Amino acid sequence: MKKFDLVIFDLDGTILDTLPDLSAAVNDALARRGLPGHTVEEYKKMVGNGVRNLCLQALGDPSEEVLEASLRDFKNYYVSHIDVQTRPYEGMPELLRDLQQAGTAVAVASNKFIEGTRMLCARFYPFIPDGCVLGETDGLLRKPEPDMLLQLKKPFPADARCCMVGDSWTDVEAGKAARMATVGVTWGYRRTDALVEAAPDAVVEDVDALRRFFFL
């Protein structure tokens, strides 16, 4: 018997390793302004709260004009190079397919801008319908607010069993606010201690452990 009717996954650091391409895109925007770039490891501390916040941290203390221009350059570069180095975490596509085949609906809720989120899902997870993929967009607040999760849950009965899976405390808090079960994964970009402190229902260290959580 399936454990959940709906499982919602975070994107960056949960089902896709997107950091190399994100880093390259921000560094391109910085280079256009004569600014030094940052390492992939440094960007780990900046991602997770949308691209505006990412560019803001990378730039330091920019004016609004510089920030907006940098965001435009970032998006132009990123959309054109979105899957150069990005790859699914090993075993994740198979796990999501197996959940679907077991009768569990699969969805994605990301703080990444919605165009980029849907491009990446179409490229690496084409079996997830567009309507089940949400990113940062007007009218829906970013995680840790539950807006995206509640939107994805709307087609289901009020008593549907739902779960949120992500690598950040923001995913855990969003899941709790939406009254869903929560699972934290430790292979992503956020600090494990912050993830554990958010007190998800389970913390898993690899995809095999996540599979056991859903199927055992």
N, C-alpha and C. Protein backbone atom coordinates (compact mmCIF):
# COMPACT_ATOMS: atom_id res chain seq x y z
N MET A 1 0.84 -1.19 0.00
CA MET A 1 0.00 0.00 0.00
C MET A 1 0.89 1.25 0.00
N LYS A 2 0.50 2.23 -0.80
CA LYS A 2 1.32 3.45 -0.87
C LYS A 2 1.25 4.22 0.45
N LYS A 3 2.36 4.83 0.80
CA LYS A 3 2.46 5.56 2.06
C LYS A 3 1.85 6.94 1.97
N PHE A 4 2.00 7.58 0.78
CA PHE A 4 1.52 8.95 0.59
C PHE A 4 0.75 9.05 -0.72
N ASP A 5 -0.21 9.97 -0.74
CA ASP A 5 -0.92 10.27 -1.98
C ASP A 5 -0.13 11.26 -2.85
N LEU A 6 0.64 12.13 -2.20
CA LEU A 6 1.41 13.16 -2.90
C LEU A 6 2.74 13.36 -2.20
N VAL A 7 3.82 13.35 -2.98
CA VAL A 7 5.15 13.70 -2.45
C VAL A 7 5.67 14.87 -3.26
N ILE A 8 6.01 15.95 -2.56
CA ILE A 8 6.54 17.16 -3.18
C ILE A 8 8.03 17.25 -2.90
N PHE A 9 8.81 17.46 -3.94
CA PHE A 9 10.25 17.54 -3.81
C PHE A 9 10.73 18.97 -4.07
N ASP A 10 11.70 19.40 -3.27
CA ASP A 10 12.48 20.57 -3.61
C ASP A 10 13.33 20.22 -4.84
N LEU A 11 13.85 21.24 -5.53
CA LEU A 11 14.62 21.00 -6.76
C LEU A 11 16.12 21.03 -6.48
N ASP A 12 16.67 22.24 -6.27
CA ASP A 12 18.11 22.42 -6.13
C ASP A 12 18.62 21.77 -4.85
N GLY A 13 19.57 20.87 -4.99
CA GLY A 13 20.14 20.22 -3.82
C GLY A 13 19.33 19.05 -3.31
N THR A 14 18.22 18.75 -3.96
CA THR A 14 17.37 17.62 -3.54
C THR A 14 17.23 16.59 -4.65
N ILE A 15 16.72 17.01 -5.80
CA ILE A 15 16.64 16.06 -6.92
C ILE A 15 17.61 16.40 -8.04
N LEU A 16 18.17 17.63 -8.02
CA LEU A 16 19.16 18.02 -9.02
C LEU A 16 20.34 18.73 -8.35
N ASP A 17 21.54 18.43 -8.84
CA ASP A 17 22.73 19.18 -8.45
C ASP A 17 22.91 20.30 -9.46
N THR A 18 22.39 21.46 -9.13
CA THR A 18 22.38 22.61 -10.04
C THR A 18 23.45 23.65 -9.73
N LEU A 19 24.19 23.46 -8.65
CA LEU A 19 25.06 24.52 -8.16
C LEU A 19 26.15 24.95 -9.14
N PRO A 20 26.78 24.04 -9.90
CA PRO A 20 27.81 24.50 -10.84
C PRO A 20 27.27 25.49 -11.88
N ASP A 21 26.09 25.21 -12.43
CA ASP A 21 25.53 26.13 -13.43
C ASP A 21 25.03 27.42 -12.80
N LEU A 22 24.46 27.35 -11.60
CA LEU A 22 24.07 28.57 -10.89
C LEU A 22 25.29 29.45 -10.62
N SER A 23 26.37 28.82 -10.16
CA SER A 23 27.58 29.56 -9.84
C SER A 23 28.14 30.25 -11.08
N ALA A 24 28.17 29.54 -12.19
CA ALA A 24 28.70 30.11 -13.43
C ALA A 24 27.87 31.31 -13.89
N ALA A 25 26.55 31.22 -13.71
CA ALA A 25 25.67 32.31 -14.16
C ALA A 25 25.86 33.56 -13.31
N VAL A 26 25.98 33.39 -12.00
CA VAL A 26 26.19 34.56 -11.14
C VAL A 26 27.57 35.14 -11.39
N ASN A 27 28.57 34.30 -11.55
CA ASN A 27 29.91 34.80 -11.81
C ASN A 27 29.98 35.56 -13.14
N ASP A 28 29.20 35.15 -14.11
CA ASP A 28 29.14 35.89 -15.37
C ASP A 28 28.58 37.29 -15.14
N ALA A 29 27.52 37.39 -14.33
CA ALA A 29 26.94 38.70 -14.03
C ALA A 29 27.93 39.57 -13.25
N LEU A 30 28.70 38.97 -12.36
CA LEU A 30 29.70 39.72 -11.61
C LEU A 30 30.82 40.20 -12.53
N ALA A 31 31.28 39.32 -13.41
CA ALA A 31 32.38 39.68 -14.31
C ALA A 31 31.99 40.84 -15.22
N ARG A 32 30.74 40.91 -15.61
CA ARG A 32 30.28 42.02 -16.45
C ARG A 32 30.37 43.36 -15.73
N ARG A 33 30.49 43.31 -14.43
CA ARG A 33 30.60 44.53 -13.62
C ARG A 33 31.99 44.71 -13.03
N GLY A 34 32.92 43.90 -13.52
CA GLY A 34 34.30 44.01 -13.07
C GLY A 34 34.51 43.51 -11.66
N LEU A 35 33.62 42.64 -11.20
CA LEU A 35 33.70 42.12 -9.83
C LEU A 35 34.22 40.69 -9.82
N PRO A 36 34.94 40.30 -8.78
CA PRO A 36 35.45 38.92 -8.70
C PRO A 36 34.31 37.94 -8.42
N GLY A 37 34.47 36.74 -8.94
CA GLY A 37 33.46 35.71 -8.71
C GLY A 37 33.67 34.99 -7.39
N HIS A 38 32.80 34.03 -7.12
CA HIS A 38 32.89 33.22 -5.91
C HIS A 38 33.03 31.75 -6.31
N THR A 39 33.49 30.94 -5.38
CA THR A 39 33.63 29.51 -5.64
C THR A 39 32.28 28.81 -5.47
N VAL A 40 32.21 27.60 -5.98
CA VAL A 40 30.99 26.80 -5.83
C VAL A 40 30.71 26.58 -4.35
N GLU A 41 31.75 26.34 -3.56
CA GLU A 41 31.55 26.13 -2.12
C GLU A 41 30.98 27.37 -1.45
N GLU A 42 31.44 28.55 -1.88
CA GLU A 42 30.90 29.79 -1.32
C GLU A 42 29.44 29.98 -1.68
N TYR A 43 29.09 29.57 -2.89
CA TYR A 43 27.69 29.72 -3.32
C TYR A 43 26.75 28.79 -2.55
N LYS A 44 27.30 27.72 -1.99
CA LYS A 44 26.46 26.82 -1.19
C LYS A 44 25.77 27.56 -0.05
N LYS A 45 26.44 28.59 0.46
CA LYS A 45 25.91 29.34 1.59
C LYS A 45 24.89 30.40 1.16
N MET A 46 24.77 30.61 -0.16
CA MET A 46 23.93 31.69 -0.66
C MET A 46 22.63 31.22 -1.29
N VAL A 47 22.57 29.96 -1.73
CA VAL A 47 21.41 29.49 -2.48
C VAL A 47 20.27 29.10 -1.55
N GLY A 48 19.07 29.02 -2.13
CA GLY A 48 17.93 28.49 -1.40
C GLY A 48 16.79 29.46 -1.17
N ASN A 49 17.06 30.75 -1.38
CA ASN A 49 16.01 31.75 -1.12
C ASN A 49 15.69 32.59 -2.35
N GLY A 50 15.81 32.00 -3.52
CA GLY A 50 15.48 32.71 -4.76
C GLY A 50 16.70 33.40 -5.36
N VAL A 51 16.62 33.68 -6.67
CA VAL A 51 17.78 34.22 -7.38
C VAL A 51 18.05 35.67 -7.01
N ARG A 52 17.03 36.41 -6.64
CA ARG A 52 17.27 37.79 -6.23
C ARG A 52 18.17 37.83 -4.99
N ASN A 53 17.84 36.99 -4.02
CA ASN A 53 18.65 36.94 -2.81
C ASN A 53 20.05 36.41 -3.11
N LEU A 54 20.14 35.45 -4.02
CA LEU A 54 21.44 34.90 -4.42
C LEU A 54 22.33 35.99 -5.02
N CYS A 55 21.79 36.76 -5.96
CA CYS A 55 22.57 37.83 -6.58
C CYS A 55 22.90 38.94 -5.58
N LEU A 56 21.98 39.21 -4.69
CA LEU A 56 22.20 40.24 -3.67
C LEU A 56 23.40 39.87 -2.81
N GLN A 57 23.45 38.62 -2.37
CA GLN A 57 24.58 38.19 -1.54
C GLN A 57 25.88 38.18 -2.31
N ALA A 58 25.83 37.73 -3.56
CA ALA A 58 27.05 37.65 -4.37
C ALA A 58 27.63 39.03 -4.66
N LEU A 59 26.76 40.01 -4.87
CA LEU A 59 27.19 41.37 -5.20
C LEU A 59 27.69 42.13 -3.98
N GLY A 60 27.20 41.77 -2.81
CA GLY A 60 27.59 42.46 -1.59
C GLY A 60 26.53 43.46 -1.18
N ASP A 61 26.69 44.70 -1.53
CA ASP A 61 25.74 45.75 -1.16
C ASP A 61 25.44 46.62 -2.38
N PRO A 62 24.77 46.05 -3.38
CA PRO A 62 24.56 46.78 -4.64
C PRO A 62 23.42 47.79 -4.54
N SER A 63 23.44 48.75 -5.44
CA SER A 63 22.28 49.61 -5.58
C SER A 63 21.16 48.81 -6.23
N GLU A 64 19.93 49.30 -6.14
CA GLU A 64 18.80 48.60 -6.75
C GLU A 64 18.99 48.48 -8.26
N GLU A 65 19.55 49.51 -8.87
CA GLU A 65 19.78 49.50 -10.32
C GLU A 65 20.78 48.41 -10.70
N VAL A 66 21.87 48.31 -9.95
CA VAL A 66 22.88 47.28 -10.24
C VAL A 66 22.30 45.89 -10.00
N LEU A 67 21.53 45.74 -8.93
CA LEU A 67 20.92 44.44 -8.64
C LEU A 67 19.98 44.01 -9.75
N GLU A 68 19.13 44.90 -10.21
CA GLU A 68 18.17 44.54 -11.26
C GLU A 68 18.89 44.19 -12.56
N ALA A 69 19.91 44.95 -12.91
CA ALA A 69 20.67 44.66 -14.14
C ALA A 69 21.39 43.32 -14.01
N SER A 70 21.93 43.05 -12.83
CA SER A 70 22.62 41.78 -12.60
C SER A 70 21.66 40.60 -12.68
N LEU A 71 20.46 40.79 -12.15
CA LEU A 71 19.44 39.73 -12.25
C LEU A 71 19.10 39.42 -13.70
N ARG A 72 18.97 40.46 -14.51
CA ARG A 72 18.68 40.24 -15.94
C ARG A 72 19.81 39.47 -16.61
N ASP A 73 21.06 39.88 -16.31
CA ASP A 73 22.20 39.19 -16.92
C ASP A 73 22.29 37.75 -16.43
N PHE A 74 22.05 37.56 -15.13
CA PHE A 74 22.06 36.20 -14.58
C PHE A 74 21.06 35.31 -15.31
N LYS A 75 19.83 35.79 -15.42
CA LYS A 75 18.78 34.95 -16.02
C LYS A 75 19.07 34.67 -17.50
N ASN A 76 19.55 35.67 -18.22
CA ASN A 76 19.88 35.46 -19.64
C ASN A 76 20.95 34.39 -19.79
N TYR A 77 21.99 34.48 -18.97
CA TYR A 77 23.06 33.48 -19.05
C TYR A 77 22.56 32.12 -18.57
N TYR A 78 21.86 32.11 -17.45
CA TYR A 78 21.46 30.84 -16.84
C TYR A 78 20.50 30.06 -17.74
N VAL A 79 19.52 30.74 -18.30
CA VAL A 79 18.57 30.06 -19.17
C VAL A 79 19.27 29.43 -20.37
N SER A 80 20.34 30.07 -20.84
CA SER A 80 21.09 29.56 -22.00
C SER A 80 22.08 28.47 -21.63
N HIS A 81 22.41 28.34 -20.34
CA HIS A 81 23.41 27.36 -19.90
C HIS A 81 22.87 26.52 -18.74
N ILE A 82 21.57 26.31 -18.72
CA ILE A 82 20.92 25.77 -17.52
C ILE A 82 21.24 24.31 -17.25
N ASP A 83 21.66 23.57 -18.29
CA ASP A 83 21.91 22.13 -18.09
C ASP A 83 23.30 21.71 -18.54
N VAL A 84 24.25 22.65 -18.52
CA VAL A 84 25.61 22.33 -18.95
C VAL A 84 26.26 21.35 -17.97
N GLN A 85 26.20 21.68 -16.68
CA GLN A 85 26.80 20.81 -15.66
C GLN A 85 25.77 20.22 -14.69
N THR A 86 24.55 20.69 -14.74
CA THR A 86 23.50 20.19 -13.84
C THR A 86 23.20 18.72 -14.13
N ARG A 87 23.05 17.95 -13.07
CA ARG A 87 22.75 16.53 -13.20
C ARG A 87 21.80 16.09 -12.08
N PRO A 88 20.96 15.09 -12.34
CA PRO A 88 20.16 14.51 -11.25
C PRO A 88 21.06 13.77 -10.27
N TYR A 89 20.68 13.77 -9.01
CA TYR A 89 21.38 12.92 -8.06
C TYR A 89 21.10 11.46 -8.41
N GLU A 90 22.12 10.66 -8.31
CA GLU A 90 22.01 9.26 -8.73
C GLU A 90 20.87 8.57 -8.00
N GLY A 91 20.01 7.95 -8.76
CA GLY A 91 18.89 7.19 -8.21
C GLY A 91 17.60 7.97 -8.04
N MET A 92 17.66 9.31 -8.14
CA MET A 92 16.45 10.10 -7.92
C MET A 92 15.41 9.95 -9.04
N PRO A 93 15.80 9.99 -10.32
CA PRO A 93 14.77 9.79 -11.37
C PRO A 93 14.05 8.46 -11.21
N GLU A 94 14.81 7.43 -10.89
CA GLU A 94 14.19 6.10 -10.72
C GLU A 94 13.25 6.09 -9.53
N LEU A 95 13.64 6.75 -8.44
CA LEU A 95 12.77 6.78 -7.27
C LEU A 95 11.46 7.51 -7.56
N LEU A 96 11.54 8.65 -8.25
CA LEU A 96 10.33 9.41 -8.55
C LEU A 96 9.42 8.62 -9.50
N ARG A 97 10.01 7.94 -10.45
CA ARG A 97 9.20 7.10 -11.35
C ARG A 97 8.52 5.97 -10.58
N ASP A 98 9.26 5.35 -9.68
CA ASP A 98 8.70 4.24 -8.91
C ASP A 98 7.56 4.72 -8.01
N LEU A 99 7.69 5.93 -7.46
CA LEU A 99 6.59 6.48 -6.67
C LEU A 99 5.35 6.65 -7.54
N GLN A 100 5.53 7.20 -8.73
CA GLN A 100 4.40 7.37 -9.65
C GLN A 100 3.76 6.02 -9.98
N GLN A 101 4.59 5.03 -10.27
CA GLN A 101 4.07 3.72 -10.64
C GLN A 101 3.34 3.04 -9.49
N ALA A 102 3.69 3.45 -8.26
CA ALA A 102 3.00 2.90 -7.08
C ALA A 102 1.72 3.66 -6.77
N GLY A 103 1.40 4.66 -7.59
CA GLY A 103 0.16 5.41 -7.40
C GLY A 103 0.29 6.68 -6.60
N THR A 104 1.52 7.10 -6.32
CA THR A 104 1.77 8.34 -5.59
C THR A 104 2.04 9.47 -6.58
N ALA A 105 1.34 10.57 -6.43
CA ALA A 105 1.60 11.73 -7.28
C ALA A 105 2.91 12.39 -6.85
N VAL A 106 3.67 12.87 -7.83
CA VAL A 106 4.96 13.50 -7.58
C VAL A 106 4.92 14.93 -8.09
N ALA A 107 5.45 15.87 -7.30
CA ALA A 107 5.44 17.28 -7.68
C ALA A 107 6.75 17.93 -7.23
N VAL A 108 6.98 19.15 -7.73
CA VAL A 108 8.18 19.91 -7.39
C VAL A 108 7.78 21.31 -6.95
N ALA A 109 8.36 21.76 -5.84
CA ALA A 109 8.16 23.13 -5.35
C ALA A 109 9.53 23.73 -5.06
N SER A 110 9.90 24.74 -5.83
CA SER A 110 11.24 25.31 -5.73
C SER A 110 11.18 26.82 -5.54
N ASN A 111 12.17 27.37 -4.83
CA ASN A 111 12.29 28.82 -4.73
C ASN A 111 13.01 29.42 -5.93
N LYS A 112 13.44 28.57 -6.87
CA LYS A 112 14.02 29.05 -8.12
C LYS A 112 12.90 29.68 -8.97
N PHE A 113 13.25 30.67 -9.81
CA PHE A 113 12.23 31.28 -10.67
C PHE A 113 11.58 30.21 -11.53
N ILE A 114 10.29 30.38 -11.77
CA ILE A 114 9.48 29.29 -12.31
C ILE A 114 9.92 28.86 -13.71
N GLU A 115 10.40 29.80 -14.52
CA GLU A 115 10.85 29.42 -15.87
C GLU A 115 12.01 28.43 -15.78
N GLY A 116 12.99 28.73 -14.94
CA GLY A 116 14.12 27.84 -14.79
C GLY A 116 13.73 26.50 -14.18
N THR A 117 12.83 26.54 -13.21
CA THR A 117 12.36 25.31 -12.57
C THR A 117 11.71 24.38 -13.58
N ARG A 118 10.84 24.93 -14.41
CA ARG A 118 10.13 24.09 -15.37
C ARG A 118 11.05 23.62 -16.51
N MET A 119 12.01 24.45 -16.89
CA MET A 119 12.97 24.02 -17.91
C MET A 119 13.76 22.81 -17.42
N LEU A 120 14.22 22.88 -16.18
CA LEU A 120 15.03 21.78 -15.64
C LEU A 120 14.21 20.51 -15.44
N CYS A 121 12.98 20.66 -14.97
CA CYS A 121 12.14 19.47 -14.81
C CYS A 121 11.81 18.85 -16.16
N ALA A 122 11.56 19.67 -17.16
CA ALA A 122 11.28 19.14 -18.50
C ALA A 122 12.50 18.41 -19.06
N ARG A 123 13.67 18.89 -18.72
CA ARG A 123 14.92 18.28 -19.22
C ARG A 123 15.24 16.98 -18.49
N PHE A 124 15.14 16.97 -17.17
CA PHE A 124 15.62 15.83 -16.40
C PHE A 124 14.52 14.97 -15.78
N TYR A 125 13.31 15.53 -15.63
CA TYR A 125 12.18 14.79 -15.06
C TYR A 125 10.94 15.03 -15.92
N PRO A 126 11.00 14.65 -17.20
CA PRO A 126 9.90 14.96 -18.12
C PRO A 126 8.59 14.26 -17.79
N PHE A 127 8.64 13.26 -16.92
CA PHE A 127 7.43 12.53 -16.55
C PHE A 127 6.61 13.27 -15.49
N ILE A 128 7.13 14.39 -14.96
CA ILE A 128 6.35 15.21 -14.03
C ILE A 128 5.61 16.27 -14.83
N PRO A 129 4.29 16.31 -14.78
CA PRO A 129 3.53 17.30 -15.57
C PRO A 129 3.86 18.73 -15.17
N ASP A 130 3.82 19.65 -16.13
CA ASP A 130 4.10 21.07 -15.86
C ASP A 130 3.25 21.62 -14.72
N GLY A 131 1.99 21.18 -14.67
CA GLY A 131 1.09 21.68 -13.64
C GLY A 131 1.47 21.23 -12.24
N CYS A 132 2.37 20.27 -12.15
CA CYS A 132 2.84 19.78 -10.85
C CYS A 132 4.22 20.33 -10.50
N VAL A 133 4.65 21.36 -11.23
CA VAL A 133 5.96 21.99 -11.01
C VAL A 133 5.75 23.46 -10.73
N LEU A 134 6.13 23.90 -9.55
CA LEU A 134 5.99 25.31 -9.19
C LEU A 134 7.33 25.89 -8.77
N GLY A 135 7.53 27.17 -9.12
CA GLY A 135 8.72 27.91 -8.71
C GLY A 135 8.30 29.29 -8.26
N GLU A 136 9.28 30.15 -8.03
CA GLU A 136 8.99 31.51 -7.59
C GLU A 136 8.19 32.23 -8.67
N THR A 137 7.04 32.76 -8.28
CA THR A 137 6.17 33.43 -9.23
C THR A 137 5.24 34.38 -8.48
N ASP A 138 4.66 35.32 -9.20
CA ASP A 138 3.75 36.25 -8.55
C ASP A 138 2.57 35.51 -7.93
N GLY A 139 2.20 35.93 -6.73
CA GLY A 139 1.01 35.37 -6.09
C GLY A 139 1.27 34.20 -5.17
N LEU A 140 2.49 33.63 -5.22
CA LEU A 140 2.82 32.51 -4.33
C LEU A 140 4.11 32.86 -3.59
N LEU A 141 4.04 32.88 -2.28
CA LEU A 141 5.22 33.21 -1.49
C LEU A 141 6.22 32.05 -1.51
N ARG A 142 7.49 32.39 -1.41
CA ARG A 142 8.54 31.39 -1.37
C ARG A 142 8.49 30.59 -0.07
N LYS A 143 9.02 29.38 -0.11
CA LYS A 143 9.24 28.62 1.11
C LYS A 143 10.18 29.43 2.01
N PRO A 144 9.98 29.50 3.31
CA PRO A 144 9.24 28.55 4.16
C PRO A 144 7.73 28.77 4.24
N GLU A 145 7.19 29.75 3.53
CA GLU A 145 5.73 29.87 3.50
C GLU A 145 5.16 28.65 2.76
N PRO A 146 3.96 28.20 3.09
CA PRO A 146 3.42 26.97 2.53
C PRO A 146 2.67 27.14 1.20
N ASP A 147 2.67 28.35 0.63
CA ASP A 147 1.81 28.64 -0.51
C ASP A 147 1.92 27.63 -1.66
N MET A 148 3.15 27.35 -2.09
CA MET A 148 3.32 26.44 -3.23
C MET A 148 2.84 25.04 -2.89
N LEU A 149 3.11 24.59 -1.69
CA LEU A 149 2.71 23.25 -1.28
C LEU A 149 1.19 23.13 -1.23
N LEU A 150 0.54 24.14 -0.69
CA LEU A 150 -0.92 24.12 -0.62
C LEU A 150 -1.54 24.19 -2.01
N GLN A 151 -0.90 24.92 -2.92
CA GLN A 151 -1.38 24.99 -4.30
C GLN A 151 -1.31 23.60 -4.96
N LEU A 152 -0.21 22.91 -4.73
CA LEU A 152 -0.04 21.58 -5.32
C LEU A 152 -0.98 20.55 -4.69
N LYS A 153 -1.38 20.80 -3.46
CA LYS A 153 -2.27 19.86 -2.76
C LYS A 153 -3.74 20.05 -3.14
N LYS A 154 -4.09 21.19 -3.74
CA LYS A 154 -5.49 21.53 -4.01
C LYS A 154 -6.29 20.44 -4.71
N PRO A 155 -5.73 19.74 -5.70
CA PRO A 155 -6.55 18.72 -6.39
C PRO A 155 -6.87 17.49 -5.54
N PHE A 156 -6.27 17.39 -4.37
CA PHE A 156 -6.41 16.20 -3.55
C PHE A 156 -7.45 16.41 -2.44
N PRO A 157 -8.01 15.33 -1.92
CA PRO A 157 -8.95 15.46 -0.79
C PRO A 157 -8.28 16.08 0.43
N ALA A 158 -9.07 16.63 1.30
CA ALA A 158 -8.54 17.30 2.49
C ALA A 158 -7.72 16.36 3.36
N ASP A 159 -8.07 15.07 3.35
CA ASP A 159 -7.35 14.12 4.19
C ASP A 159 -6.24 13.38 3.45
N ALA A 160 -5.84 13.89 2.29
CA ALA A 160 -4.77 13.25 1.53
C ALA A 160 -3.48 13.22 2.34
N ARG A 161 -2.75 12.15 2.20
CA ARG A 161 -1.47 12.00 2.90
C ARG A 161 -0.37 12.59 2.02
N CYS A 162 0.27 13.64 2.51
CA CYS A 162 1.25 14.37 1.70
C CYS A 162 2.58 14.48 2.43
N CYS A 163 3.65 14.62 1.65
CA CYS A 163 4.99 14.69 2.22
C CYS A 163 5.82 15.70 1.44
N MET A 164 6.64 16.48 2.15
CA MET A 164 7.57 17.42 1.55
C MET A 164 8.99 16.93 1.79
N VAL A 165 9.80 16.88 0.72
CA VAL A 165 11.19 16.41 0.80
C VAL A 165 12.13 17.52 0.34
N GLY A 166 13.12 17.86 1.15
CA GLY A 166 14.05 18.91 0.75
C GLY A 166 15.33 18.90 1.56
N ASP A 167 16.29 19.72 1.13
CA ASP A 167 17.60 19.76 1.78
C ASP A 167 17.75 20.94 2.74
N SER A 168 16.69 21.72 2.92
CA SER A 168 16.80 22.95 3.70
C SER A 168 15.73 23.02 4.79
N TRP A 169 16.05 23.79 5.83
CA TRP A 169 15.06 24.04 6.88
C TRP A 169 13.82 24.72 6.31
N THR A 170 13.98 25.49 5.23
CA THR A 170 12.83 26.15 4.64
C THR A 170 11.83 25.14 4.08
N ASP A 171 12.34 24.02 3.55
CA ASP A 171 11.46 22.97 3.05
C ASP A 171 10.69 22.33 4.20
N VAL A 172 11.41 22.10 5.30
CA VAL A 172 10.78 21.48 6.48
C VAL A 172 9.70 22.40 7.05
N GLU A 173 10.03 23.66 7.20
CA GLU A 173 9.06 24.61 7.75
C GLU A 173 7.84 24.75 6.84
N ALA A 174 8.06 24.78 5.54
CA ALA A 174 6.94 24.87 4.59
C ALA A 174 6.05 23.64 4.71
N GLY A 175 6.68 22.47 4.80
CA GLY A 175 5.90 21.24 4.94
C GLY A 175 5.08 21.21 6.22
N LYS A 176 5.69 21.63 7.30
CA LYS A 176 4.96 21.66 8.57
C LYS A 176 3.79 22.64 8.50
N ALA A 177 4.03 23.81 7.91
CA ALA A 177 2.97 24.81 7.80
C ALA A 177 1.82 24.32 6.95
N ALA A 178 2.12 23.44 5.98
CA ALA A 178 1.09 22.87 5.11
C ALA A 178 0.50 21.59 5.69
N ARG A 179 0.91 21.25 6.92
CA ARG A 179 0.43 20.05 7.61
C ARG A 179 0.75 18.76 6.84
N MET A 180 2.00 18.71 6.38
CA MET A 180 2.50 17.54 5.65
C MET A 180 3.61 16.88 6.45
N ALA A 181 3.85 15.60 6.16
CA ALA A 181 5.04 14.95 6.67
C ALA A 181 6.26 15.59 6.01
N THR A 182 7.40 15.54 6.68
CA THR A 182 8.60 16.19 6.14
C THR A 182 9.81 15.26 6.22
N VAL A 183 10.62 15.31 5.17
CA VAL A 183 11.86 14.54 5.12
C VAL A 183 12.99 15.48 4.72
N GLY A 184 14.08 15.48 5.50
CA GLY A 184 15.26 16.26 5.16
C GLY A 184 16.32 15.36 4.55
N VAL A 185 16.93 15.81 3.45
CA VAL A 185 18.02 15.06 2.82
C VAL A 185 19.33 15.81 3.06
N THR A 186 20.39 15.07 3.34
CA THR A 186 21.65 15.69 3.76
C THR A 186 22.65 15.89 2.63
N TRP A 187 22.30 15.47 1.40
CA TRP A 187 23.28 15.58 0.31
C TRP A 187 23.22 16.93 -0.42
N GLY A 188 22.37 17.83 0.03
CA GLY A 188 22.18 19.09 -0.68
C GLY A 188 23.16 20.17 -0.27
N TYR A 189 22.68 21.43 -0.34
CA TYR A 189 23.56 22.58 -0.18
C TYR A 189 23.49 23.24 1.19
N ARG A 190 22.51 22.89 1.97
CA ARG A 190 22.31 23.57 3.24
C ARG A 190 22.99 22.81 4.38
N ARG A 191 23.25 23.51 5.46
CA ARG A 191 23.93 22.91 6.61
C ARG A 191 23.05 21.82 7.24
N THR A 192 23.67 20.68 7.50
CA THR A 192 22.92 19.56 8.07
C THR A 192 22.39 19.89 9.46
N ASP A 193 23.17 20.65 10.25
CA ASP A 193 22.70 20.95 11.60
C ASP A 193 21.43 21.80 11.58
N ALA A 194 21.36 22.75 10.64
CA ALA A 194 20.16 23.57 10.52
C ALA A 194 18.97 22.72 10.08
N LEU A 195 19.24 21.76 9.21
CA LEU A 195 18.19 20.85 8.75
C LEU A 195 17.67 20.01 9.91
N VAL A 196 18.56 19.47 10.71
CA VAL A 196 18.17 18.64 11.85
C VAL A 196 17.42 19.47 12.89
N GLU A 197 17.89 20.69 13.11
CA GLU A 197 17.24 21.57 14.09
C GLU A 197 15.80 21.90 13.70
N ALA A 198 15.51 21.87 12.40
CA ALA A 198 14.14 22.11 11.94
C ALA A 198 13.21 20.96 12.30
N ALA A 199 13.78 19.84 12.71
CA ALA A 199 13.02 18.67 13.21
C ALA A 199 12.05 18.08 12.19
N PRO A 200 12.56 17.66 11.01
CA PRO A 200 11.68 16.92 10.09
C PRO A 200 11.31 15.57 10.67
N ASP A 201 10.32 14.93 10.08
CA ASP A 201 9.91 13.62 10.55
C ASP A 201 10.99 12.57 10.33
N ALA A 202 11.82 12.79 9.31
CA ALA A 202 12.93 11.87 9.04
C ALA A 202 14.06 12.66 8.39
N VAL A 203 15.28 12.23 8.64
CA VAL A 203 16.47 12.76 7.97
C VAL A 203 17.15 11.57 7.30
N VAL A 204 17.44 11.69 6.00
CA VAL A 204 18.08 10.59 5.27
C VAL A 204 19.38 11.07 4.65
N GLU A 205 20.35 10.16 4.57
CA GLU A 205 21.69 10.52 4.10
C GLU A 205 21.97 10.09 2.68
N ASP A 206 21.12 9.27 2.10
CA ASP A 206 21.32 8.88 0.70
C ASP A 206 19.97 8.48 0.11
N VAL A 207 19.98 8.29 -1.21
CA VAL A 207 18.73 8.01 -1.93
C VAL A 207 18.18 6.65 -1.54
N ASP A 208 19.04 5.70 -1.24
CA ASP A 208 18.56 4.39 -0.81
C ASP A 208 17.75 4.50 0.48
N ALA A 209 18.21 5.34 1.40
CA ALA A 209 17.47 5.53 2.66
C ALA A 209 16.14 6.22 2.40
N LEU A 210 16.12 7.14 1.45
CA LEU A 210 14.86 7.80 1.10
C LEU A 210 13.90 6.80 0.48
N ARG A 211 14.42 5.93 -0.34
CA ARG A 211 13.57 4.88 -0.94
C ARG A 211 12.97 3.99 0.14
N ARG A 212 13.78 3.63 1.12
CA ARG A 212 13.26 2.78 2.22
C ARG A 212 12.18 3.51 3.01
N PHE A 213 12.34 4.83 3.17
CA PHE A 213 11.32 5.60 3.88
C PHE A 213 9.97 5.50 3.18
N PHE A 214 9.98 5.51 1.85
CA PHE A 214 8.72 5.49 1.11
C PHE A 214 8.17 4.09 0.90
N PHE A 215 9.01 3.10 0.84
CA PHE A 215 8.55 1.78 0.42
C PHE A 215 8.64 0.70 1.48
N LEU A 216 9.16 1.01 2.66
CA LEU A 216 9.21 0.00 3.71
C LEU A 216 8.31 0.40 4.88
